[in-house]
Amino acid sequence: MGHTRGPYREEFPVGTAVRIIDAEELNAFAKSWRYHHPVTEEQFQFAGKLGSVEAVSFYHGGDELYKLRGLPGLWHEGCLRATVETAEI
């Protein structure tokens, strides 16, 4: 990942409001992603929701993984979009 800023440089710093991609996009991501930290069934209920970045970590190779405040699991950069809205969580 690291599509915009390069590997090991987070796209969404801690505290940033983000929107999880919609259900159709999340399903497509889940079907195509074959590596670490797959999307869990529990995460699907949050498709399209707003969240706030609580923590950022990196998988070997520079993939960004985000912990969103109050939401389960780790979220890949590809599952999140920048937003100017205030996070619901």
Protein backbone atom coordinates (compact mmCIF):
# COMPACT_ATOMS: atom_id res chain seq x y z
CA MET A 1 0.00 0.00 0.00
CA GLY A 2 1.45 3.40 0.83
CA HIS A 3 0.00 4.55 -2.49
CA THR A 4 0.11 8.25 -1.80
CA ARG A 5 2.88 8.94 0.66
CA GLY A 6 5.08 5.87 0.16
CA PRO A 7 5.86 2.90 2.41
CA TYR A 8 6.01 3.40 6.18
CA ARG A 9 4.40 6.85 5.96
CA GLU A 10 0.80 6.89 7.14
CA GLU A 11 -1.86 8.39 4.92
CA PHE A 12 -4.09 9.13 7.93
CA PRO A 13 -2.29 10.35 11.09
CA VAL A 14 -3.71 9.63 14.56
CA GLY A 15 -6.81 11.73 15.16
CA THR A 16 -7.78 11.94 11.49
CA ALA A 17 -11.46 11.42 10.63
CA VAL A 18 -11.91 8.77 7.94
CA ARG A 19 -14.81 7.05 6.22
CA ILE A 20 -14.82 3.28 5.77
CA ILE A 21 -15.54 2.32 2.17
CA ASP A 22 -19.11 1.27 1.31
CA ALA A 23 -20.31 -2.33 1.52
CA GLU A 24 -19.78 -3.08 -2.18
CA GLU A 25 -16.20 -1.79 -2.12
CA LEU A 26 -15.46 -3.54 1.19
CA ASN A 27 -16.74 -6.83 -0.22
CA ALA A 28 -14.56 -6.42 -3.33
CA PHE A 29 -11.53 -5.63 -1.15
CA ALA A 30 -12.19 -8.68 1.04
CA LYS A 31 -12.42 -10.95 -2.02
CA SER A 32 -9.26 -9.62 -3.65
CA TRP A 33 -7.00 -9.19 -0.58
CA ARG A 34 -4.89 -12.34 -0.14
CA TYR A 35 -2.36 -11.28 2.45
CA HIS A 36 -2.26 -10.38 6.14
CA HIS A 37 -5.18 -9.17 8.29
CA PRO A 38 -8.19 -10.07 6.13
CA VAL A 39 -11.42 -8.13 6.65
CA THR A 40 -13.52 -9.87 9.30
CA GLU A 41 -17.25 -10.53 9.21
CA GLU A 42 -17.62 -8.20 12.20
CA GLN A 43 -16.08 -5.31 10.24
CA PHE A 44 -18.68 -5.47 7.45
CA GLN A 45 -21.33 -3.87 9.67
CA PHE A 46 -19.26 -0.66 9.69
CA ALA A 47 -19.16 -0.18 5.90
CA GLY A 48 -19.73 3.48 5.04
CA LYS A 49 -19.35 4.65 8.65
CA LEU A 50 -17.17 7.46 9.91
CA GLY A 51 -14.36 6.79 12.34
CA SER A 52 -11.30 8.37 13.90
CA VAL A 53 -7.77 6.99 13.69
CA GLU A 54 -6.64 5.82 17.11
CA ALA A 55 -3.35 4.18 16.11
CA VAL A 56 -1.27 3.39 13.03
CA SER A 57 1.00 0.42 12.47
CA PHE A 58 2.83 -0.98 9.49
CA TYR A 59 3.06 -4.50 8.20
CA HIS A 60 6.37 -5.71 6.77
CA GLY A 61 6.68 -4.04 3.38
CA GLY A 62 5.02 -0.81 4.46
CA ASP A 63 1.31 -1.68 4.35
CA GLU A 64 -0.59 0.69 6.61
CA LEU A 65 -2.89 -0.77 9.25
CA TYR A 66 -5.23 1.47 11.20
CA LYS A 67 -6.99 0.98 14.52
CA LEU A 68 -10.14 3.10 14.53
CA ARG A 69 -11.46 4.41 17.84
CA GLY A 70 -14.31 2.21 19.05
CA LEU A 71 -14.32 -0.10 16.02
CA PRO A 72 -13.13 -3.71 15.86
CA GLY A 73 -10.10 -5.01 14.01
CA LEU A 74 -7.38 -3.41 11.98
CA TRP A 75 -8.26 -1.55 8.80
CA HIS A 76 -6.12 -1.41 5.66
CA GLU A 77 -5.46 1.90 3.95
CA GLY A 78 -7.50 0.61 0.99
CA CYS A 79 -10.60 0.34 3.20
CA LEU A 80 -10.54 4.00 4.26
CA ARG A 81 -11.15 7.34 2.61
CA ALA A 82 -10.29 10.85 3.74
CA THR A 83 -13.23 12.94 4.88
CA VAL A 84 -13.78 16.48 6.07
CA GLU A 85 -16.68 15.33 8.26
CA THR A 86 -16.35 14.88 12.01
CA ALA A 87 -16.06 11.26 13.09
CA GLU A 88 -19.14 9.62 14.61
CA ILE A 89 -17.10 7.44 16.95
